[in-house]
Amino acid sequence: MMLRFGRRLVWSLYEYVRTIPVLRPPLIRSVGRAVFTPLIPKETLVCFEGRKLWVDSMGSTIGRHLIDNVTFEPGSTKVFKAVVRPGMTVIDAGAHVGYYSTLAAELVGPSGKVIAFEPEELSRSMLNQSIEENAYHNVLVVPMALSDKVGEADLDICLELPAGVLQHCHASRNR
């Protein structure tokens, strides 16, 4: 209970500090992230553009962008928003934590569908939590990878340090 309160307090302080304009330059954000990230839970709920997403605050590039309230892949996001329309079916191949899946769920609306493929267990868990948090009923998560061949393959999982440097990779067997 006390640990949860402490994490909430640190997160609230971080949220407040990052809204101060003088603290927004990239170098200051990086220093702030280095100070606050170890104190923030690894899996963190962020609110971004009206959506709630569970992200990895420790090593995920998507997580770092959204925690800093910076659009992930701004060019691709802009095109995605321009192309996806209500009622469409969107397939997210390699959905990760659901950045595009949750965006698609909003854009296609209740008459559309999102099929999100994510073979990696931790990312899929955060994706499912994000779908539940937003009460999306138009997203189907499929625990598989896509390929042009039927069969099994190794899935290389690479963990990152907060600076984005690869820490280690390991393969896991998936179908």
Protein backbone atom coordinates (compact mmCIF):
# COMPACT_ATOMS: atom_id res chain seq x y z
CA MET A 1 0.00 0.00 0.00
CA MET A 2 2.73 2.46 0.99
CA LEU A 3 4.82 1.52 -2.08
CA ARG A 4 1.80 2.12 -4.35
CA PHE A 5 1.21 5.52 -2.71
CA GLY A 6 4.89 6.41 -3.12
CA ARG A 7 4.83 5.49 -6.81
CA ARG A 8 1.68 7.54 -7.34
CA LEU A 9 3.30 10.50 -5.59
CA VAL A 10 6.46 10.25 -7.74
CA TRP A 11 4.38 9.87 -10.90
CA SER A 12 2.23 12.91 -9.97
CA LEU A 13 5.36 14.97 -9.30
CA TYR A 14 6.84 13.87 -12.64
CA GLU A 15 3.58 14.74 -14.45
CA TYR A 16 3.58 18.21 -12.85
CA VAL A 17 7.27 18.93 -13.49
CA ARG A 18 7.06 18.02 -17.18
CA THR A 19 4.33 20.65 -17.74
CA ILE A 20 6.67 23.52 -16.78
CA PRO A 21 7.80 25.13 -20.09
CA VAL A 22 11.41 25.77 -19.03
CA LEU A 23 11.79 22.02 -18.32
CA ARG A 24 10.68 20.89 -21.80
CA PRO A 25 13.94 21.02 -23.84
CA PRO A 26 15.17 17.50 -24.81
CA LEU A 27 18.32 17.60 -22.64
CA ILE A 28 16.37 18.61 -19.53
CA ARG A 29 13.71 15.97 -20.34
CA SER A 30 16.46 13.33 -20.60
CA VAL A 31 17.93 14.31 -17.24
CA GLY A 32 14.46 14.35 -15.67
CA ARG A 33 13.69 10.94 -17.15
CA ALA A 34 16.98 9.58 -15.75
CA VAL A 35 16.02 10.83 -12.27
CA PHE A 36 12.34 9.80 -12.31
CA THR A 37 12.32 6.59 -14.40
CA PRO A 38 13.84 4.33 -11.71
CA LEU A 39 11.13 5.53 -9.33
CA ILE A 40 8.24 4.93 -11.75
CA PRO A 41 6.80 1.40 -12.01
CA LYS A 42 8.03 -0.57 -15.04
CA GLU A 43 4.49 -0.92 -16.39
CA THR A 44 2.95 2.54 -16.37
CA LEU A 45 -0.47 3.80 -17.42
CA VAL A 46 -0.23 6.97 -19.52
CA CYS A 47 -2.99 9.13 -20.96
CA PHE A 48 -2.26 10.28 -24.48
CA GLU A 49 -4.64 12.00 -26.90
CA GLY A 50 -7.62 10.79 -24.90
CA ARG A 51 -6.47 7.16 -24.83
CA LYS A 52 -5.06 5.26 -21.88
CA LEU A 53 -2.08 3.05 -22.69
CA TRP A 54 -0.05 0.73 -20.52
CA VAL A 55 3.61 1.11 -21.51
CA ASP A 56 7.04 -0.04 -20.40
CA SER A 57 8.52 3.05 -18.76
CA MET A 58 11.98 1.55 -18.42
CA GLY A 59 13.14 0.71 -21.92
CA SER A 60 10.38 1.08 -24.47
CA THR A 61 10.81 3.82 -27.05
CA ILE A 62 7.03 4.12 -27.30
CA GLY A 63 6.81 4.37 -23.51
CA ARG A 64 9.42 7.12 -23.33
CA HIS A 65 7.65 9.14 -26.04
CA LEU A 66 4.22 8.87 -24.45
CA ILE A 67 5.45 9.53 -20.91
CA ASP A 68 7.05 12.72 -22.28
CA ASN A 69 3.75 13.48 -24.08
CA VAL A 70 5.47 13.35 -27.48
CA THR A 71 3.73 11.72 -30.45
CA PHE A 72 5.35 8.41 -31.39
CA GLU A 73 6.29 8.24 -35.09
CA PRO A 74 4.59 11.57 -35.92
CA GLY A 75 4.72 11.11 -39.71
CA SER A 76 3.25 7.59 -39.63
CA THR A 77 0.67 8.64 -37.04
CA LYS A 78 -0.44 11.56 -39.24
CA VAL A 79 -0.85 9.29 -42.30
CA PHE A 80 -2.60 6.64 -40.20
CA LYS A 81 -5.11 9.21 -38.92
CA ALA A 82 -5.72 10.44 -42.48
CA VAL A 83 -6.30 6.95 -43.94
CA VAL A 84 -8.28 5.06 -41.27
CA ARG A 85 -12.02 5.76 -41.34
CA PRO A 86 -15.11 4.69 -39.35
CA GLY A 87 -16.32 1.18 -40.16
CA MET A 88 -12.97 -0.08 -41.50
CA THR A 89 -11.17 -3.23 -40.41
CA VAL A 90 -7.55 -2.58 -39.41
CA ILE A 91 -4.91 -5.28 -38.93
CA ASP A 92 -2.04 -4.35 -36.63
CA ALA A 93 0.77 -6.83 -37.33
CA GLY A 94 3.13 -6.65 -34.37
CA ALA A 95 0.86 -4.57 -32.15
CA HIS A 96 3.38 -4.28 -29.29
CA VAL A 97 1.62 -2.37 -26.44
CA GLY A 98 -1.15 -1.11 -28.72
CA TYR A 99 -0.24 2.42 -29.80
CA TYR A 100 -1.71 1.92 -33.28
CA SER A 101 -4.32 -0.63 -32.15
CA THR A 102 -5.89 1.78 -29.66
CA LEU A 103 -5.65 4.65 -32.15
CA ALA A 104 -7.35 2.46 -34.76
CA ALA A 105 -10.06 1.45 -32.26
CA GLU A 106 -10.91 5.13 -31.82
CA LEU A 107 -10.78 5.92 -35.55
CA VAL A 108 -12.85 2.95 -36.82
CA GLY A 109 -15.41 3.41 -34.07
CA PRO A 110 -17.90 0.80 -32.85
CA SER A 111 -18.85 -0.20 -36.42
CA GLY A 112 -15.23 -1.07 -37.29
CA LYS A 113 -12.82 -3.76 -36.17
CA VAL A 114 -9.17 -3.94 -35.13
CA ILE A 115 -7.29 -7.25 -35.25
CA ALA A 116 -4.04 -6.92 -33.31
CA PHE A 117 -1.36 -9.61 -33.66
CA GLU A 118 1.22 -9.69 -30.84
CA PRO A 119 3.24 -12.84 -30.05
CA GLU A 120 5.28 -11.45 -27.13
CA GLU A 121 3.62 -12.07 -23.78
CA LEU A 122 4.53 -8.89 -21.83
CA SER A 123 3.62 -6.52 -24.68
CA ARG A 124 0.39 -8.46 -25.27
CA SER A 125 -0.46 -8.19 -21.57
CA MET A 126 -0.06 -4.39 -21.66
CA LEU A 127 -2.08 -4.28 -24.91
CA ASN A 128 -4.92 -6.23 -23.27
CA GLN A 129 -4.81 -3.94 -20.22
CA SER A 130 -5.01 -0.87 -22.49
CA ILE A 131 -8.01 -2.33 -24.34
CA GLU A 132 -9.74 -3.06 -21.03
CA GLU A 133 -8.85 0.37 -19.60
CA ASN A 134 -10.43 2.10 -22.62
CA ALA A 135 -13.41 -0.32 -22.78
CA TYR A 136 -12.80 -1.08 -26.47
CA HIS A 137 -15.12 -3.81 -27.73
CA ASN A 138 -13.92 -3.63 -31.32
CA VAL A 139 -10.38 -5.00 -30.80
CA LEU A 140 -9.43 -8.66 -31.10
CA VAL A 141 -5.94 -9.57 -29.84
CA VAL A 142 -4.37 -12.62 -31.49
CA PRO A 143 -1.38 -14.14 -29.64
CA MET A 144 0.59 -14.96 -32.81
CA ALA A 145 3.07 -13.47 -35.22
CA LEU A 146 2.32 -13.12 -38.93
CA SER A 147 4.45 -14.65 -41.66
CA ASP A 148 4.26 -15.74 -45.27
CA LYS A 149 4.89 -19.33 -44.11
CA VAL A 150 2.96 -21.68 -41.79
CA GLY A 151 5.00 -23.12 -38.93
CA GLU A 152 7.07 -22.26 -35.91
CA ALA A 153 9.81 -19.67 -35.63
CA ASP A 154 12.07 -18.12 -33.03
CA LEU A 155 10.99 -14.76 -31.69
CA ASP A 156 13.97 -12.64 -30.66
CA ILE A 157 13.16 -10.55 -27.59
CA CYS A 158 15.56 -7.65 -27.11
CA LEU A 159 15.50 -5.77 -23.83
CA GLU A 160 16.66 -2.17 -23.79
CA LEU A 161 18.36 -0.07 -21.17
CA PRO A 162 16.71 3.30 -20.52
CA ALA A 163 19.13 4.95 -22.95
CA GLY A 164 17.88 2.64 -25.72
CA VAL A 165 21.00 0.46 -25.75
CA LEU A 166 20.31 -3.23 -26.19
CA GLN A 167 20.93 -5.09 -22.95
CA HIS A 168 20.50 -8.65 -24.18
CA CYS A 169 18.43 -10.68 -26.57
CA HIS A 170 17.00 -14.14 -26.18
CA ALA A 171 14.92 -16.29 -28.46
CA SER A 172 11.66 -17.88 -27.50
CA ARG A 173 9.87 -20.55 -29.47
CA ASN A 174 6.52 -19.44 -30.88
CA ARG A 175 4.06 -20.73 -33.43
